[in-house]
């Protein structure tokens, strides 16, 4: 680690040394230390001077300062208050930034001013899926997401029906966005080096987030993944009497076997199912 801290031109390495920062495993901290990746991220996000960017997991500020130099405003959210000093070091020269020392899972994202139009981040492993889905739901102005995430998280978002990775994040993200795994990310760009692979995942909004009733239906449907979908939805708390038979009939009307499982339905078919079951306005 000492040798890596001596490398010139990497502001994150300098801040690790100058501010005595130790990555916290419990917070899933793997700091981006290779500035060469910034251009890849910026091009993927198609950054523009009019963009307002939300960055969750500011870390040591290397991505934050890159974004600030190229956009109208950057909201940097960081839960670890021990990183305030290095982040202020990074953001100090950029008056078009706001540092939020808060948990992004709890922060009132809708109150951010100016409202974000893009999400660009190196997302902490434990909250990556939650943050992406929450921003799709609560930030309707956001049209583009580019995030570094663990490979399995990225693959879940982009998974196709019938695949082992296909599940709740796949359906909820794809109901609102086109999702792609853009490229693998080398473990060597992080410190400490993670023991899992990462990818850059991109989402482009093509519609509103699914309403609460559809989100609930998807979550209930995948709650018992090995069971038939009709059985799984019948087991949901508060399910009406006869739900199993209603679901079986709806599935057959949609061209699926009555005993189809949740992973067999494409994202848009969940919206159709919600309409047929009259669980809410999709």
Protein backbone atom coordinates (compact mmCIF):
# COMPACT_ATOMS: atom_id res chain seq x y z
CA UNK A 1 0.00 0.00 0.00
CA UNK A 2 2.91 2.36 0.75
CA UNK A 3 4.19 2.06 -2.83
CA UNK A 4 0.78 2.91 -4.22
CA UNK A 5 0.54 6.03 -2.07
CA UNK A 6 3.74 7.37 -3.61
CA UNK A 7 2.34 7.48 -7.13
CA UNK A 8 2.08 11.09 -8.39
CA UNK A 9 -0.94 12.46 -10.20
CA UNK A 10 -3.54 10.42 -8.37
CA UNK A 11 -5.41 12.80 -6.05
CA UNK A 12 -7.18 9.97 -4.25
CA UNK A 13 -3.84 8.43 -3.25
CA UNK A 14 -2.59 11.79 -1.99
CA UNK A 15 -5.73 12.27 0.09
CA UNK A 16 -5.47 8.80 1.57
CA UNK A 17 -2.00 9.73 2.77
CA UNK A 18 -2.59 13.38 3.75
CA UNK A 19 -5.80 12.75 5.67
CA UNK A 20 -4.86 9.37 7.15
CA UNK A 21 -7.90 7.62 5.70
CA UNK A 22 -8.38 3.89 6.25
CA UNK A 23 -11.03 2.21 4.06
CA UNK A 24 -13.89 0.77 6.10
CA UNK A 25 -14.85 -2.73 5.06
CA UNK A 26 -18.19 -2.48 6.89
CA UNK A 27 -19.20 0.38 4.59
CA UNK A 28 -18.11 -1.47 1.46
CA UNK A 29 -15.46 1.18 0.73
CA UNK A 30 -13.30 0.48 -2.31
CA UNK A 31 -11.93 3.87 -3.35
CA UNK A 32 -11.39 4.72 -7.00
CA UNK A 33 -7.68 5.49 -7.33
CA UNK A 34 -7.08 5.36 -11.09
CA UNK A 35 -7.93 8.67 -12.74
CA UNK A 36 -7.61 7.06 -16.18
CA UNK A 37 -11.07 5.57 -15.72
CA UNK A 38 -12.70 8.98 -15.31
CA UNK A 39 -12.79 9.68 -19.03
CA UNK A 40 -14.47 6.33 -19.66
CA UNK A 41 -17.16 7.20 -17.12
CA UNK A 42 -17.60 10.72 -18.47
CA UNK A 43 -18.02 9.55 -22.05
CA UNK A 44 -20.50 6.86 -21.02
CA UNK A 45 -22.56 9.45 -19.13
CA UNK A 46 -22.34 11.91 -22.05
CA UNK A 47 -21.63 14.72 -19.60
CA UNK A 48 -22.81 18.17 -20.60
CA UNK A 49 -22.37 21.62 -19.07
CA UNK A 50 -26.10 21.73 -18.34
CA UNK A 51 -26.14 18.47 -16.34
CA UNK A 52 -26.91 18.29 -12.64
CA UNK A 53 -25.27 15.13 -11.34
CA UNK A 54 -25.95 13.07 -8.24
CA UNK A 55 -22.92 11.12 -7.03
CA UNK A 56 -23.58 8.62 -4.24
CA UNK A 57 -20.50 7.50 -2.35
CA UNK A 58 -18.16 10.45 -2.86
CA UNK A 59 -15.24 8.63 -1.26
CA UNK A 60 -12.05 10.62 -1.77
CA UNK A 61 -13.54 12.99 -4.32
CA UNK A 62 -11.64 11.94 -7.44
CA UNK A 63 -14.84 11.40 -9.42
CA UNK A 64 -16.51 14.37 -7.72
CA UNK A 65 -13.97 16.90 -8.94
CA UNK A 66 -13.97 15.41 -12.43
CA UNK A 67 -17.76 15.80 -12.61
CA UNK A 68 -17.71 19.30 -11.15
CA UNK A 69 -15.35 20.56 -13.85
CA UNK A 70 -17.72 19.41 -16.60
CA UNK A 71 -21.27 19.96 -15.36
CA UNK A 72 -23.57 22.64 -13.99
CA UNK A 73 -23.80 21.19 -10.48
CA UNK A 74 -22.83 18.06 -8.54
CA UNK A 75 -24.56 16.73 -5.43
CA UNK A 76 -22.10 14.50 -3.59
CA UNK A 77 -23.59 12.17 -0.97
CA UNK A 78 -21.30 10.46 1.52
CA UNK A 79 -22.35 8.59 4.66
CA UNK A 80 -18.87 8.39 6.23
CA UNK A 81 -18.15 11.66 8.04
CA UNK A 82 -14.48 10.68 8.30
CA UNK A 83 -14.29 11.49 4.58
CA UNK A 84 -15.53 15.06 4.97
CA UNK A 85 -12.02 16.58 4.99
CA UNK A 86 -10.75 14.89 1.79
CA UNK A 87 -14.05 15.58 0.06
CA UNK A 88 -13.92 19.27 0.96
CA UNK A 89 -10.34 19.29 -0.32
CA UNK A 90 -11.66 17.98 -3.63
CA UNK A 91 -14.74 20.18 -3.80
CA UNK A 92 -13.20 23.39 -2.46
CA UNK A 93 -12.20 24.75 -5.89
CA UNK A 94 -15.66 23.99 -7.29
CA UNK A 95 -18.48 26.27 -6.06
CA UNK A 96 -20.95 24.33 -8.20
CA UNK A 97 -21.00 21.43 -5.72
CA UNK A 98 -22.99 20.48 -2.64
CA UNK A 99 -21.73 17.94 -0.13
CA UNK A 100 -24.42 15.97 1.70
CA UNK A 101 -23.07 14.02 4.67
CA UNK A 102 -25.96 11.60 4.80
CA UNK A 103 -27.17 8.10 4.03
CA UNK A 104 -28.41 8.07 0.42
CA UNK A 105 -30.94 5.39 1.32
CA UNK A 106 -32.59 7.81 3.78
CA UNK A 107 -31.82 11.22 2.27
CA UNK A 108 -34.76 13.15 0.80
CA UNK A 109 -33.51 12.98 -2.76
CA UNK A 110 -36.57 14.77 -4.14
CA UNK A 111 -35.56 17.86 -2.14
CA UNK A 112 -32.16 18.22 -3.83
CA UNK A 113 -31.79 21.63 -5.43
CA UNK A 114 -31.10 21.91 -8.29
CA UNK A 115 -32.75 18.58 -9.09
CA UNK A 116 -30.40 15.95 -10.54
CA UNK A 117 -30.66 14.96 -14.18
CA UNK A 118 -28.00 12.22 -14.12
CA UNK A 119 -26.60 9.76 -11.57
CA UNK A 120 -22.88 8.99 -11.90
CA UNK A 121 -21.23 7.05 -9.09
CA UNK A 122 -18.92 4.38 -7.76
CA UNK A 123 -21.65 2.80 -5.67
CA UNK A 124 -20.87 1.15 -2.32
CA UNK A 125 -21.52 -2.56 -2.61
CA UNK A 126 -24.16 -2.87 0.09
CA UNK A 127 -26.52 -0.19 -1.24
CA UNK A 128 -25.94 -0.23 -5.00
CA UNK A 129 -29.20 -1.89 -6.05
CA UNK A 130 -31.25 0.06 -3.52
CA UNK A 131 -29.80 3.40 -4.61
CA UNK A 132 -30.37 2.77 -8.31
CA UNK A 133 -33.98 1.67 -7.80
CA UNK A 134 -34.66 4.50 -5.35
CA UNK A 135 -33.35 7.14 -7.73
CA UNK A 136 -35.43 5.72 -10.59
CA UNK A 137 -38.48 6.05 -8.36
CA UNK A 138 -37.87 9.38 -6.62
CA UNK A 139 -35.98 11.40 -9.25
CA UNK A 140 -38.15 11.50 -12.38
CA UNK A 141 -35.89 14.17 -13.93
CA UNK A 142 -32.95 11.74 -14.05
CA UNK A 143 -32.53 10.31 -17.53
CA UNK A 144 -29.10 8.63 -17.35
CA UNK A 145 -27.30 6.45 -14.81
CA UNK A 146 -23.67 5.35 -15.10
CA UNK A 147 -22.40 3.45 -12.09
CA UNK A 148 -19.60 1.16 -11.08
CA UNK A 149 -21.12 -1.79 -9.24
CA UNK A 150 -20.24 -5.36 -8.39
CA UNK A 151 -20.52 -7.54 -11.48
CA UNK A 152 -23.39 -9.60 -10.09
CA UNK A 153 -25.38 -6.41 -9.34
CA UNK A 154 -24.86 -5.11 -12.87
CA UNK A 155 -25.81 -8.47 -14.33
CA UNK A 156 -28.99 -8.57 -12.25
CA UNK A 157 -30.09 -5.19 -13.56
CA UNK A 158 -29.51 -6.23 -17.18
CA UNK A 159 -30.70 -9.85 -16.86
CA UNK A 160 -33.24 -11.29 -19.27
CA UNK A 161 -36.34 -13.32 -18.30
CA UNK A 162 -35.58 -16.95 -17.53
CA UNK A 163 -31.97 -16.37 -16.54
CA UNK A 164 -30.75 -17.12 -12.99
CA UNK A 165 -29.87 -13.44 -12.41
CA UNK A 166 -33.33 -12.19 -13.40
CA UNK A 167 -35.33 -10.89 -10.45
CA UNK A 168 -36.83 -7.87 -8.74
CA UNK A 169 -34.06 -5.38 -9.71
CA UNK A 170 -34.21 -6.56 -13.34
CA UNK A 171 -37.95 -6.03 -13.63
CA UNK A 172 -38.18 -2.72 -11.76
CA UNK A 173 -35.22 -1.16 -13.56
CA UNK A 174 -36.25 -2.39 -17.02
CA UNK A 175 -39.83 -1.19 -16.63
CA UNK A 176 -38.44 2.36 -16.60
CA UNK A 177 -35.08 2.13 -18.37
CA UNK A 178 -33.00 0.49 -21.04
CA UNK A 179 -30.21 -1.25 -19.12
CA UNK A 180 -26.79 -2.39 -20.33
CA UNK A 181 -23.59 -3.64 -18.80
CA UNK A 182 -21.16 -1.27 -20.51
CA UNK A 183 -17.78 -2.84 -19.71
CA UNK A 184 -15.82 -4.70 -17.03
CA UNK A 185 -13.79 -2.65 -14.55
CA UNK A 186 -10.39 -3.90 -13.43
CA UNK A 187 -10.00 -4.62 -9.73
CA UNK A 188 -6.73 -2.67 -9.81
CA UNK A 189 -8.49 0.70 -10.10
CA UNK A 190 -9.74 0.35 -6.51
CA UNK A 191 -8.08 0.51 -3.11
CA UNK A 192 -8.34 -1.78 -1.30
CA UNK A 193 -8.49 -4.21 -4.21
CA UNK A 194 -11.92 -5.89 -3.95
CA UNK A 195 -12.27 -9.66 -3.99
CA UNK A 196 -15.10 -9.44 -6.52
CA UNK A 197 -15.25 -8.19 -10.10
CA UNK A 198 -16.93 -4.91 -11.02
CA UNK A 199 -18.66 -3.54 -14.10
CA UNK A 200 -19.80 -0.21 -15.41
CA UNK A 201 -23.57 -0.34 -15.83
CA UNK A 202 -25.62 2.15 -17.79
CA UNK A 203 -29.33 2.93 -17.66
CA UNK A 204 -31.29 5.28 -19.91
CA UNK A 205 -34.80 6.25 -18.89
CA UNK A 206 -37.57 5.60 -21.35
CA UNK A 207 -40.55 6.00 -19.03
CA UNK A 208 -41.73 6.60 -15.45
CA UNK A 209 -40.95 4.27 -12.59
CA UNK A 210 -43.57 1.57 -12.05
CA UNK A 211 -46.17 2.59 -9.46
CA UNK A 212 -46.20 1.23 -5.95
CA UNK A 213 -48.81 -1.44 -6.73
CA UNK A 214 -46.71 -2.91 -9.54
CA UNK A 215 -43.52 -2.77 -7.44
CA UNK A 216 -45.30 -4.62 -4.64
CA UNK A 217 -46.62 -7.26 -7.03
CA UNK A 218 -43.12 -7.90 -8.42
CA UNK A 219 -41.63 -8.20 -4.93
CA UNK A 220 -44.39 -10.59 -3.85
CA UNK A 221 -44.00 -12.64 -7.00
CA UNK A 222 -40.29 -13.24 -6.45
CA UNK A 223 -40.64 -13.75 -2.67
CA UNK A 224 -40.92 -17.53 -3.16
CA UNK A 225 -38.84 -17.98 -6.28
CA UNK A 226 -39.06 -21.78 -6.39
CA UNK A 227 -42.84 -21.79 -6.21
CA UNK A 228 -45.27 -21.17 -9.05
CA UNK A 229 -46.10 -17.46 -9.36
CA UNK A 230 -49.77 -18.04 -8.54
CA UNK A 231 -48.80 -19.77 -5.30
CA UNK A 232 -46.27 -17.09 -4.40
CA UNK A 233 -48.78 -14.27 -4.85
CA UNK A 234 -51.42 -16.21 -2.89
CA UNK A 235 -48.95 -16.38 0.02
CA UNK A 236 -48.43 -12.59 0.09
CA UNK A 237 -49.67 -10.85 3.25
CA UNK A 238 -53.22 -9.57 2.71
CA UNK A 239 -53.74 -11.52 -0.51
CA UNK A 240 -57.47 -11.79 -1.25
CA UNK A 241 -59.25 -15.13 -1.24
CA UNK A 242 -59.05 -16.78 -4.60
CA UNK A 243 -55.84 -15.00 -5.60
CA UNK A 244 -54.18 -18.23 -6.74
CA UNK A 245 -56.95 -19.03 -9.20
CA UNK A 246 -57.05 -15.41 -10.43
CA UNK A 247 -53.34 -15.45 -11.16
CA UNK A 248 -53.50 -18.81 -12.93
CA UNK A 249 -56.31 -17.55 -15.16
CA UNK A 250 -54.47 -14.31 -15.89
CA UNK A 251 -51.28 -16.15 -16.81
CA UNK A 252 -53.12 -18.42 -19.22
CA UNK A 253 -54.80 -15.40 -20.80
CA UNK A 254 -51.34 -13.88 -21.27
CA UNK A 255 -50.09 -17.01 -23.05
CA UNK A 256 -48.18 -18.51 -20.11
CA UNK A 257 -48.75 -21.85 -18.38
CA UNK A 258 -50.91 -21.52 -15.29
CA UNK A 259 -48.00 -22.76 -13.18
CA UNK A 260 -45.44 -20.30 -14.63
CA UNK A 261 -42.82 -18.94 -12.27
CA UNK A 262 -41.98 -15.30 -11.67
CA UNK A 263 -38.79 -15.37 -13.75
CA UNK A 264 -40.72 -16.34 -16.87
CA UNK A 265 -42.54 -13.00 -17.12
CA UNK A 266 -40.89 -10.17 -19.04
CA UNK A 267 -40.92 -6.74 -17.34
CA UNK A 268 -43.87 -5.37 -19.33
CA UNK A 269 -45.86 -8.52 -18.56
CA UNK A 270 -45.78 -7.61 -14.88
CA UNK A 271 -47.58 -4.39 -15.76
CA UNK A 272 -50.12 -6.42 -17.73
CA UNK A 273 -50.57 -8.83 -14.83
CA UNK A 274 -51.16 -5.96 -12.42
CA UNK A 275 -53.93 -4.65 -14.68
CA UNK A 276 -55.56 -8.06 -14.98
CA UNK A 277 -55.48 -8.55 -11.21
CA UNK A 278 -56.71 -4.99 -10.63
CA UNK A 279 -54.03 -4.36 -8.04
CA UNK A 280 -53.52 -0.74 -9.02
CA UNK A 281 -53.25 1.66 -11.91
CA UNK A 282 -50.08 0.77 -13.83
